[in-house]
Amino acid sequence: TGAADAIVVNNCAAALVLALNSLARGRDVLVSRGELIEI
């Protein structure tokens, strides 16, 4: 991928939760209304 580093967890939803909890807990996270999708 050309990435500097990587980590593997149990699924992609968990990866997003982990990143947001690690980097933006209690803070604002901006996302487009057009990307608030259902999986």
Full PDB file with SEQRES, HELIX, SHEET, SSBOND, CRYST1, ORIGX, SCALE, CONECT and MASTER records, all heavy atoms in Angstrom:
SEQRES   1 A   39  THR GLY ALA ALA ASP ALA ILE VAL VAL ASN ASN CYS ALA          
SEQRES   2 A   39  ALA ALA LEU VAL LEU ALA LEU ASN SER LEU ALA ARG GLY          
SEQRES   3 A   39  ARG ASP VAL LEU VAL SER ARG GLY GLU LEU ILE GLU ILE          
HELIX    1 AA1 CYS A   12  ALA A   24  1                                  13    
HELIX    2 AA2 ARG A   33  GLU A   35  5                                   3    
CRYST1    1.000    1.000    1.000  90.00  90.00  90.00 P 1           1          
ORIGX1      1.000000  0.000000  0.000000        0.00000                         
ORIGX2      0.000000  1.000000  0.000000        0.00000                         
ORIGX3      0.000000  0.000000  1.000000        0.00000                         
SCALE1      1.000000  0.000000  0.000000        0.00000                         
SCALE2      0.000000  1.000000  0.000000        0.00000                         
SCALE3      0.000000  0.000000  1.000000        0.00000                         
ATOM      1  N   THR A   1       0.806  -1.230   0.000  1.00  0.00           N  
ATOM      2  CA  THR A   1       0.000   0.000   0.000  1.00  0.00           C  
ATOM      3  C   THR A   1       0.836   1.276   0.000  1.00  0.00           C  
ATOM      4  O   THR A   1       0.303   2.341  -0.298  1.00  0.00           O  
ATOM      5  CB  THR A   1      -0.927   0.037   1.228  1.00  0.00           C  
ATOM      6  OG1 THR A   1      -0.133   0.197   2.419  1.00  0.00           O  
ATOM      7  CG2 THR A   1      -1.756  -1.227   1.337  1.00  0.00           C  
ATOM      8  N   GLY A   2       2.098   1.187   0.377  1.00  0.00           N  
ATOM      9  CA  GLY A   2       2.915   2.384   0.501  1.00  0.00           C  
ATOM     10  C   GLY A   2       2.729   3.104   1.818  1.00  0.00           C  
ATOM     11  O   GLY A   2       3.260   4.208   2.018  1.00  0.00           O  
ATOM     12  N   ALA A   3       1.992   2.515   2.756  1.00  0.00           N  
ATOM     13  CA  ALA A   3       1.763   3.135   4.060  1.00  0.00           C  
ATOM     14  C   ALA A   3       2.995   3.015   4.937  1.00  0.00           C  
ATOM     15  O   ALA A   3       3.812   2.106   4.776  1.00  0.00           O  
ATOM     16  CB  ALA A   3       0.564   2.475   4.752  1.00  0.00           C  
ATOM     17  N   ALA A   4       3.115   3.938   5.900  1.00  0.00           N  
ATOM     18  CA  ALA A   4       4.245   3.902   6.829  1.00  0.00           C  
ATOM     19  C   ALA A   4       4.081   2.805   7.872  1.00  0.00           C  
ATOM     20  O   ALA A   4       5.064   2.250   8.359  1.00  0.00           O  
ATOM     21  CB  ALA A   4       4.399   5.255   7.518  1.00  0.00           C  
ATOM     22  N   ASP A   5       2.838   2.474   8.222  1.00  0.00           N  
ATOM     23  CA  ASP A   5       2.590   1.463   9.245  1.00  0.00           C  
ATOM     24  C   ASP A   5       1.162   0.953   9.084  1.00  0.00           C  
ATOM     25  O   ASP A   5       0.369   1.495   8.305  1.00  0.00           O  
ATOM     26  CB  ASP A   5       2.805   2.052  10.645  1.00  0.00           C  
ATOM     27  CG  ASP A   5       3.107   0.987  11.695  1.00  0.00           C  
ATOM     28  OD1 ASP A   5       3.088  -0.219  11.345  1.00  0.00           O  
ATOM     29  OD2 ASP A   5       3.361   1.355  12.856  1.00  0.00           O  
ATOM     30  N   ALA A   6       0.836  -0.102   9.822  1.00  0.00           N  
ATOM     31  CA  ALA A   6      -0.506  -0.677   9.729  1.00  0.00           C  
ATOM     32  C   ALA A   6      -0.802  -1.470  10.988  1.00  0.00           C  
ATOM     33  O   ALA A   6       0.096  -1.865  11.738  1.00  0.00           O  
ATOM     34  CB  ALA A   6      -0.621  -1.587   8.502  1.00  0.00           C  
ATOM     35  N   ILE A   7      -2.094  -1.698  11.213  1.00  0.00           N  
ATOM     36  CA  ILE A   7      -2.548  -2.548  12.304  1.00  0.00           C  
ATOM     37  C   ILE A   7      -3.771  -3.307  11.809  1.00  0.00           C  
ATOM     38  O   ILE A   7      -4.541  -2.804  10.987  1.00  0.00           O  
ATOM     39  CB  ILE A   7      -2.886  -1.722  13.568  1.00  0.00           C  
ATOM     40  CG1 ILE A   7      -3.208  -2.654  14.748  1.00  0.00           C  
ATOM     41  CG2 ILE A   7      -4.025  -0.761  13.326  1.00  0.00           C  
ATOM     42  CD1 ILE A   7      -3.378  -1.914  16.072  1.00  0.00           C  
ATOM     43  N   VAL A   8      -3.950  -4.529  12.311  1.00  0.00           N  
ATOM     44  CA  VAL A   8      -5.062  -5.381  11.903  1.00  0.00           C  
ATOM     45  C   VAL A   8      -5.936  -5.663  13.117  1.00  0.00           C  
ATOM     46  O   VAL A   8      -5.444  -6.105  14.156  1.00  0.00           O  
ATOM     47  CB  VAL A   8      -4.558  -6.708  11.299  1.00  0.00           C  
ATOM     48  CG1 VAL A   8      -5.739  -7.594  10.887  1.00  0.00           C  
ATOM     49  CG2 VAL A   8      -3.651  -6.449  10.109  1.00  0.00           C  
ATOM     50  N   VAL A   9      -7.249  -5.398  12.970  1.00  0.00           N  
ATOM     51  CA  VAL A   9      -8.215  -5.716  14.020  1.00  0.00           C  
ATOM     52  C   VAL A   9      -9.299  -6.610  13.403  1.00  0.00           C  
ATOM     53  O   VAL A   9      -9.146  -7.095  12.292  1.00  0.00           O  
ATOM     54  CB  VAL A   9      -8.809  -4.447  14.663  1.00  0.00           C  
ATOM     55  CG1 VAL A   9      -7.733  -3.693  15.431  1.00  0.00           C  
ATOM     56  CG2 VAL A   9      -9.447  -3.541  13.614  1.00  0.00           C  
ATOM     57  N   ASN A  10     -10.414  -6.831  14.142  1.00  0.00           N  
ATOM     58  CA  ASN A  10     -11.330  -7.890  13.713  1.00  0.00           C  
ATOM     59  C   ASN A  10     -12.274  -7.530  12.565  1.00  0.00           C  
ATOM     60  O   ASN A  10     -12.752  -8.425  11.882  1.00  0.00           O  
ATOM     61  CB  ASN A  10     -12.121  -8.433  14.908  1.00  0.00           C  
ATOM     62  CG  ASN A  10     -12.929  -7.351  15.603  1.00  0.00           C  
ATOM     63  OD1 ASN A  10     -12.730  -6.163  15.359  1.00  0.00           O  
ATOM     64  ND2 ASN A  10     -13.823  -7.750  16.468  1.00  0.00           N  
ATOM     65  N   ASN A  11     -12.590  -6.270  12.339  1.00  0.00           N  
ATOM     66  CA  ASN A  11     -13.327  -5.899  11.129  1.00  0.00           C  
ATOM     67  C   ASN A  11     -13.213  -4.395  10.908  1.00  0.00           C  
ATOM     68  O   ASN A  11     -12.660  -3.668  11.742  1.00  0.00           O  
ATOM     69  CB  ASN A  11     -14.793  -6.354  11.165  1.00  0.00           C  
ATOM     70  CG  ASN A  11     -15.612  -5.716  12.270  1.00  0.00           C  
ATOM     71  OD1 ASN A  11     -15.412  -4.556  12.618  1.00  0.00           O  
ATOM     72  ND2 ASN A  11     -16.538  -6.469  12.831  1.00  0.00           N  
ATOM     73  N   CYS A  12     -13.739  -3.941   9.782  1.00  0.00           N  
ATOM     74  CA  CYS A  12     -13.526  -2.543   9.390  1.00  0.00           C  
ATOM     75  C   CYS A  12     -14.294  -1.574  10.283  1.00  0.00           C  
ATOM     76  O   CYS A  12     -13.809  -0.476  10.579  1.00  0.00           O  
ATOM     77  CB  CYS A  12     -13.936  -2.357   7.927  1.00  0.00           C  
ATOM     78  SG  CYS A  12     -13.153  -0.947   7.118  1.00  0.00           S  
ATOM     79  N   ALA A  13     -15.489  -1.954  10.724  1.00  0.00           N  
ATOM     80  CA  ALA A  13     -16.243  -1.091  11.630  1.00  0.00           C  
ATOM     81  C   ALA A  13     -15.495  -0.913  12.945  1.00  0.00           C  
ATOM     82  O   ALA A  13     -15.442   0.187  13.504  1.00  0.00           O  
ATOM     83  CB  ALA A  13     -17.630  -1.685  11.878  1.00  0.00           C  
ATOM     84  N   ALA A  14     -14.914  -2.002  13.441  1.00  0.00           N  
ATOM     85  CA  ALA A  14     -14.118  -1.922  14.670  1.00  0.00           C  
ATOM     86  C   ALA A  14     -12.914  -1.009  14.477  1.00  0.00           C  
ATOM     87  O   ALA A  14     -12.537  -0.249  15.383  1.00  0.00           O  
ATOM     88  CB  ALA A  14     -13.662  -3.314  15.088  1.00  0.00           C  
ATOM     89  N   ALA A  15     -12.303  -1.077  13.309  1.00  0.00           N  
ATOM     90  CA  ALA A  15     -11.148  -0.229  13.024  1.00  0.00           C  
ATOM     91  C   ALA A  15     -11.515   1.248  13.102  1.00  0.00           C  
ATOM     92  O   ALA A  15     -10.774   2.063  13.663  1.00  0.00           O  
ATOM     93  CB  ALA A  15     -10.590  -0.570  11.643  1.00  0.00           C  
ATOM     94  N   LEU A  16     -12.685   1.602  12.543  1.00  0.00           N  
ATOM     95  CA  LEU A  16     -13.119   2.998  12.579  1.00  0.00           C  
ATOM     96  C   LEU A  16     -13.418   3.444  14.008  1.00  0.00           C  
ATOM     97  O   LEU A  16     -13.021   4.543  14.427  1.00  0.00           O  
ATOM     98  CB  LEU A  16     -14.357   3.175  11.696  1.00  0.00           C  
ATOM     99  CG  LEU A  16     -14.935   4.589  11.604  1.00  0.00           C  
ATOM    100  CD1 LEU A  16     -13.903   5.573  11.067  1.00  0.00           C  
ATOM    101  CD2 LEU A  16     -16.192   4.602  10.731  1.00  0.00           C  
ATOM    102  N   VAL A  17     -14.108   2.600  14.767  1.00  0.00           N  
ATOM    103  CA  VAL A  17     -14.398   2.934  16.170  1.00  0.00           C  
ATOM    104  C   VAL A  17     -13.103   3.109  16.955  1.00  0.00           C  
ATOM    105  O   VAL A  17     -12.956   4.057  17.738  1.00  0.00           O  
ATOM    106  CB  VAL A  17     -15.283   1.841  16.812  1.00  0.00           C  
ATOM    107  CG1 VAL A  17     -15.359   2.034  18.326  1.00  0.00           C  
ATOM    108  CG2 VAL A  17     -16.680   1.867  16.221  1.00  0.00           C  
ATOM    109  N   LEU A  18     -12.160   2.207  16.758  1.00  0.00           N  
ATOM    110  CA  LEU A  18     -10.888   2.284  17.473  1.00  0.00           C  
ATOM    111  C   LEU A  18     -10.151   3.576  17.148  1.00  0.00           C  
ATOM    112  O   LEU A  18      -9.616   4.248  18.049  1.00  0.00           O  
ATOM    113  CB  LEU A  18     -10.021   1.078  17.105  1.00  0.00           C  
ATOM    114  CG  LEU A  18      -8.627   1.031  17.711  1.00  0.00           C  
ATOM    115  CD1 LEU A  18      -8.686   0.960  19.232  1.00  0.00           C  
ATOM    116  CD2 LEU A  18      -7.831  -0.157  17.153  1.00  0.00           C  
ATOM    117  N   ALA A  19     -10.119   3.939  15.872  1.00  0.00           N  
ATOM    118  CA  ALA A  19      -9.399   5.157  15.479  1.00  0.00           C  
ATOM    119  C   ALA A  19     -10.061   6.402  16.057  1.00  0.00           C  
ATOM    120  O   ALA A  19      -9.384   7.302  16.580  1.00  0.00           O  
ATOM    121  CB  ALA A  19      -9.330   5.242  13.961  1.00  0.00           C  
ATOM    122  N   LEU A  20     -11.380   6.475  15.967  1.00  0.00           N  
ATOM    123  CA  LEU A  20     -12.076   7.645  16.497  1.00  0.00           C  
ATOM    124  C   LEU A  20     -11.927   7.737  18.014  1.00  0.00           C  
ATOM    125  O   LEU A  20     -11.751   8.825  18.568  1.00  0.00           O  
ATOM    126  CB  LEU A  20     -13.552   7.599  16.118  1.00  0.00           C  
ATOM    127  CG  LEU A  20     -13.866   7.813  14.627  1.00  0.00           C  
ATOM    128  CD1 LEU A  20     -15.344   7.562  14.357  1.00  0.00           C  
ATOM    129  CD2 LEU A  20     -13.466   9.214  14.192  1.00  0.00           C  
ATOM    130  N   ASN A  21     -11.992   6.606  18.699  1.00  0.00           N  
ATOM    131  CA  ASN A  21     -11.839   6.609  20.143  1.00  0.00           C  
ATOM    132  C   ASN A  21     -10.422   7.016  20.539  1.00  0.00           C  
ATOM    133  O   ASN A  21     -10.219   7.701  21.547  1.00  0.00           O  
ATOM    134  CB  ASN A  21     -12.176   5.228  20.699  1.00  0.00           C  
ATOM    135  CG  ASN A  21     -12.095   5.165  22.206  1.00  0.00           C  
ATOM    136  OD1 ASN A  21     -11.064   4.786  22.763  1.00  0.00           O  
ATOM    137  ND2 ASN A  21     -13.177   5.545  22.879  1.00  0.00           N  
ATOM    138  N   SER A  22      -9.448   6.604  19.739  1.00  0.00           N  
ATOM    139  CA  SER A  22      -8.043   6.909  20.044  1.00  0.00           C  
ATOM    140  C   SER A  22      -7.688   8.354  19.731  1.00  0.00           C  
ATOM    141  O   SER A  22      -6.872   8.968  20.435  1.00  0.00           O  
ATOM    142  CB  SER A  22      -7.122   5.984  19.237  1.00  0.00           C  
ATOM    143  OG  SER A  22      -7.380   4.625  19.506  1.00  0.00           O  
ATOM    144  N   LEU A  23      -8.291   8.909  18.669  1.00  0.00           N  
ATOM    145  CA  LEU A  23      -7.843  10.203  18.157  1.00  0.00           C  
ATOM    146  C   LEU A  23      -8.827  11.349  18.366  1.00  0.00           C  
ATOM    147  O   LEU A  23      -8.427  12.513  18.312  1.00  0.00           O  
ATOM    148  CB  LEU A  23      -7.548  10.079  16.653  1.00  0.00           C  
ATOM    149  CG  LEU A  23      -6.609   8.943  16.225  1.00  0.00           C  
ATOM    150  CD1 LEU A  23      -6.490   8.911  14.708  1.00  0.00           C  
ATOM    151  CD2 LEU A  23      -5.246   9.085  16.874  1.00  0.00           C  
ATOM    152  N   ALA A  24     -10.117  11.050  18.594  1.00  0.00           N  
ATOM    153  CA  ALA A  24     -11.109  12.137  18.620  1.00  0.00           C  
ATOM    154  C   ALA A  24     -12.173  11.942  19.688  1.00  0.00           C  
ATOM    155  O   ALA A  24     -13.257  12.534  19.588  1.00  0.00           O  
ATOM    156  CB  ALA A  24     -11.763  12.247  17.243  1.00  0.00           C  
ATOM    157  N   ARG A  25     -11.898  11.183  20.695  1.00  0.00           N  
ATOM    158  CA  ARG A  25     -12.891  10.964  21.749  1.00  0.00           C  
ATOM    159  C   ARG A  25     -13.231  12.299  22.427  1.00  0.00           C  
ATOM    160  O   ARG A  25     -12.348  13.049  22.845  1.00  0.00           O  
ATOM    161  CB  ARG A  25     -12.353   9.978  22.781  1.00  0.00           C  
ATOM    162  CG  ARG A  25     -13.348   9.597  23.879  1.00  0.00           C  
ATOM    163  CD  ARG A  25     -12.807   8.432  24.691  1.00  0.00           C  
ATOM    164  NE  ARG A  25     -13.727   8.050  25.758  1.00  0.00           N  
ATOM    165  CZ  ARG A  25     -13.675   8.523  26.995  1.00  0.00           C  
ATOM    166  NH1 ARG A  25     -12.721   9.392  27.324  1.00  0.00           N  
ATOM    167  NH2 ARG A  25     -14.539   8.129  27.900  1.00  0.00           N  
ATOM    168  N   GLY A  26     -14.541  12.603  22.515  1.00  0.00           N  
ATOM    169  CA  GLY A  26     -14.992  13.848  23.122  1.00  0.00           C  
ATOM    170  C   GLY A  26     -14.845  15.066  22.240  1.00  0.00           C  
ATOM    171  O   GLY A  26     -15.123  16.185  22.685  1.00  0.00           O  
ATOM    172  N   ARG A  27     -14.458  14.864  20.995  1.00  0.00           N  
ATOM    173  CA  ARG A  27     -14.255  15.988  20.081  1.00  0.00           C  
ATOM    174  C   ARG A  27     -15.134  15.826  18.847  1.00  0.00           C  
ATOM    175  O   ARG A  27     -15.752  14.783  18.621  1.00  0.00           O  
ATOM    176  CB  ARG A  27     -12.777  16.071  19.680  1.00  0.00           C  
ATOM    177  CG  ARG A  27     -11.836  16.162  20.890  1.00  0.00           C  
ATOM    178  CD  ARG A  27     -10.397  16.348  20.472  1.00  0.00           C  
ATOM    179  NE  ARG A  27     -10.190  17.688  19.912  1.00  0.00           N  
ATOM    180  CZ  ARG A  27      -9.042  18.084  19.363  1.00  0.00           C  
ATOM    181  NH1 ARG A  27      -8.006  17.247  19.288  1.00  0.00           N  
ATOM    182  NH2 ARG A  27      -8.912  19.311  18.895  1.00  0.00           N  
ATOM    183  N   ASP A  28     -15.199  16.880  18.027  1.00  0.00           N  
ATOM    184  CA  ASP A  28     -16.031  16.867  16.829  1.00  0.00           C  
ATOM    185  C   ASP A  28     -15.357  16.066  15.718  1.00  0.00           C  
ATOM    186  O   ASP A  28     -14.136  16.158  15.515  1.00  0.00           O  
ATOM    187  CB  ASP A  28     -16.275  18.292  16.323  1.00  0.00           C  
ATOM    188  CG  ASP A  28     -17.120  19.123  17.274  1.00  0.00           C  
ATOM    189  OD1 ASP A  28     -17.733  18.528  18.181  1.00  0.00           O  
ATOM    190  OD2 ASP A  28     -17.164  20.351  17.103  1.00  0.00           O  
ATOM    191  N   VAL A  29     -16.168  15.314  15.011  1.00  0.00           N  
ATOM    192  CA  VAL A  29     -15.700  14.594  13.824  1.00  0.00           C  
ATOM    193  C   VAL A  29     -16.599  14.992  12.662  1.00  0.00           C  
ATOM    194  O   VAL A  29     -17.813  14.783  12.704  1.00  0.00           O  
ATOM    195  CB  VAL A  29     -15.739  13.067  14.037  1.00  0.00           C  
ATOM    196  CG1 VAL A  29     -15.390  12.346  12.749  1.00  0.00           C  
ATOM    197  CG2 VAL A  29     -14.785  12.662  15.149  1.00  0.00           C  
ATOM    198  N   LEU A  30     -16.010  15.559  11.624  1.00  0.00           N  
ATOM    199  CA  LEU A  30     -16.768  16.067  10.485  1.00  0.00           C  
ATOM    200  C   LEU A  30     -16.954  14.967   9.445  1.00  0.00           C  
ATOM    201  O   LEU A  30     -15.995  14.274   9.075  1.00  0.00           O  
ATOM    202  CB  LEU A  30     -16.041  17.242   9.831  1.00  0.00           C  
ATOM    203  CG  LEU A  30     -16.174  18.636  10.492  1.00  0.00           C  
ATOM    204  CD1 LEU A  30     -15.738  18.617  11.953  1.00  0.00           C  
ATOM    205  CD2 LEU A  30     -15.368  19.662   9.709  1.00  0.00           C  
ATOM    206  N   VAL A  31     -18.194  14.812   8.957  1.00  0.00           N  
ATOM    207  CA  VAL A  31     -18.477  13.843   7.895  1.00  0.00           C  
ATOM    208  C   VAL A  31     -19.613  14.373   7.036  1.00  0.00           C  
ATOM    209  O   VAL A  31     -20.552  15.005   7.533  1.00  0.00           O  
ATOM    210  CB  VAL A  31     -18.822  12.454   8.483  1.00  0.00           C  
ATOM    211  CG1 VAL A  31     -20.070  12.515   9.338  1.00  0.00           C  
ATOM    212  CG2 VAL A  31     -18.979  11.419   7.376  1.00  0.00           C  
ATOM    213  N   SER A  32     -19.532  14.136   5.737  1.00  0.00           N  
ATOM    214  CA  SER A  32     -20.563  14.601   4.807  1.00  0.00           C  
ATOM    215  C   SER A  32     -21.879  13.859   5.039  1.00  0.00           C  
ATOM    216  O   SER A  32     -21.885  12.649   5.285  1.00  0.00           O  
ATOM    217  CB  SER A  32     -20.098  14.382   3.368  1.00  0.00           C  
ATOM    218  OG  SER A  32     -21.171  14.549   2.463  1.00  0.00           O  
ATOM    219  N   ARG A  33     -22.987  14.586   4.913  1.00  0.00           N  
ATOM    220  CA  ARG A  33     -24.300  13.945   5.017  1.00  0.00           C  
ATOM    221  C   ARG A  33     -24.489  12.887   3.936  1.00  0.00           C  
ATOM    222  O   ARG A  33     -25.205  11.906   4.121  1.00  0.00           O  
ATOM    223  CB  ARG A  33     -25.406  14.995   4.907  1.00  0.00           C  
ATOM    224  CG  ARG A  33     -25.539  15.875   6.140  1.00  0.00           C  
ATOM    225  CD  ARG A  33     -26.766  16.787   6.055  1.00  0.00           C  
ATOM    226  NE  ARG A  33     -26.959  17.512   7.308  1.00  0.00           N  
ATOM    227  CZ  ARG A  33     -26.412  18.681   7.603  1.00  0.00           C  
ATOM    228  NH1 ARG A  33     -25.618  19.271   6.700  1.00  0.00           N  
ATOM    229  NH2 ARG A  33     -26.640  19.272   8.763  1.00  0.00           N  
ATOM    230  N   GLY A  34     -23.840  13.066   2.819  1.00  0.00           N  
ATOM    231  CA  GLY A  34     -23.951  12.092   1.732  1.00  0.00           C  
ATOM    232  C   GLY A  34     -23.170  10.822   1.974  1.00  0.00           C  
ATOM    233  O   GLY A  34     -23.242   9.882   1.175  1.00  0.00           O  
ATOM    234  N   GLU A  35     -22.421  10.766   3.079  1.00  0.00           N  
ATOM    235  CA  GLU A  35     -21.604   9.585   3.380  1.00  0.00           C  
ATOM    236  C   GLU A  35     -22.033   8.900   4.673  1.00  0.00           C  
ATOM    237  O   GLU A  35     -21.334   8.011   5.169  1.00  0.00           O  
ATOM    238  CB  GLU A  35     -20.127   9.993   3.456  1.00  0.00           C  
ATOM    239  CG  GLU A  35     -19.610  10.519   2.123  1.00  0.00           C  
ATOM    240  CD  GLU A  35     -18.225  11.148   2.218  1.00  0.00           C  
ATOM    241  OE1 GLU A  35     -17.624  11.101   3.308  1.00  0.00           O  
ATOM    242  OE2 GLU A  35     -17.769  11.707   1.203  1.00  0.00           O  
ATOM    243  N   LEU A  36     -23.179   9.274   5.209  1.00  0.00           N  
ATOM    244  CA  LEU A  36     -23.693   8.634   6.424  1.00  0.00           C  
ATOM    245  C   LEU A  36     -24.469   7.383   6.019  1.00  0.00           C  
ATOM    246  O   LEU A  36     -25.695   7.316   6.120  1.00  0.00           O  
ATOM    247  CB  LEU A  36     -24.578   9.612   7.198  1.00  0.00           C  
ATOM    248  CG  LEU A  36     -23.855  10.845   7.732  1.00  0.00           C  
ATOM    249  CD1 LEU A  36     -24.838  11.800   8.390  1.00  0.00           C  
ATOM    250  CD2 LEU A  36     -22.771  10.446   8.723  1.00  0.00           C  
ATOM    251  N   ILE A  37     -23.736   6.400   5.567  1.00  0.00           N  
ATOM    252  CA  ILE A  37     -24.337   5.237   4.916  1.00  0.00           C  
ATOM    253  C   ILE A  37     -24.726   4.160   5.915  1.00  0.00           C  
ATOM    254  O   ILE A  37     -24.298   4.159   7.074  1.00  0.00           O  
ATOM    255  CB  ILE A  37     -23.367   4.647   3.870  1.00  0.00           C  
ATOM    256  CG1 ILE A  37     -22.093   4.125   4.550  1.00  0.00           C  
ATOM    257  CG2 ILE A  37     -23.013   5.685   2.820  1.00  0.00           C  
ATOM    258  CD1 ILE A  37     -21.167   3.396   3.621  1.00  0.00           C  
ATOM    259  N   GLU A  38     -25.549   3.248   5.436  1.00  0.00           N  
ATOM    260  CA  GLU A  38     -25.889   2.044   6.193  1.00  0.00           C  
ATOM    261  C   GLU A  38     -25.163   0.869   5.560  1.00  0.00           C  
ATOM    262  O   GLU A  38     -25.166   0.704   4.345  1.00  0.00           O  
ATOM    263  CB  GLU A  38     -27.402   1.797   6.172  1.00  0.00           C  
ATOM    264  CG  GLU A  38     -27.831   0.554   6.951  1.00  0.00           C  
ATOM    265  CD  GLU A  38     -29.335   0.364   6.963  1.00  0.00           C  
ATOM    266  OE1 GLU A  38     -30.039   1.298   7.406  1.00  0.00           O  
ATOM    267  OE2 GLU A  38     -29.797  -0.703   6.519  1.00  0.00           O  
ATOM    268  N   ILE A  39     -24.524   0.054   6.404  1.00  0.00           N  
ATOM    269  CA  ILE A  39     -23.828  -1.128   5.905  1.00  0.00           C  
ATOM    270  C   ILE A  39     -24.679  -2.346   6.245  1.00  0.00           C  
ATOM    271  O   ILE A  39     -25.821  -2.232   6.651  1.00  0.00           O  
ATOM    272  CB  ILE A  39     -22.406  -1.221   6.489  1.00  0.00           C  
ATOM    273  CG1 ILE A  39     -22.439  -1.231   8.018  1.00  0.00           C  
ATOM    274  CG2 ILE A  39     -21.567  -0.068   5.982  1.00  0.00           C  
ATOM    275  CD1 ILE A  39     -21.061  -1.360   8.655  1.00  0.00           C  
TER     276      ILE A  39                                                      
MASTER        0    0    0    2    0    0    0    6  275    1    0    3          
END                                                                             
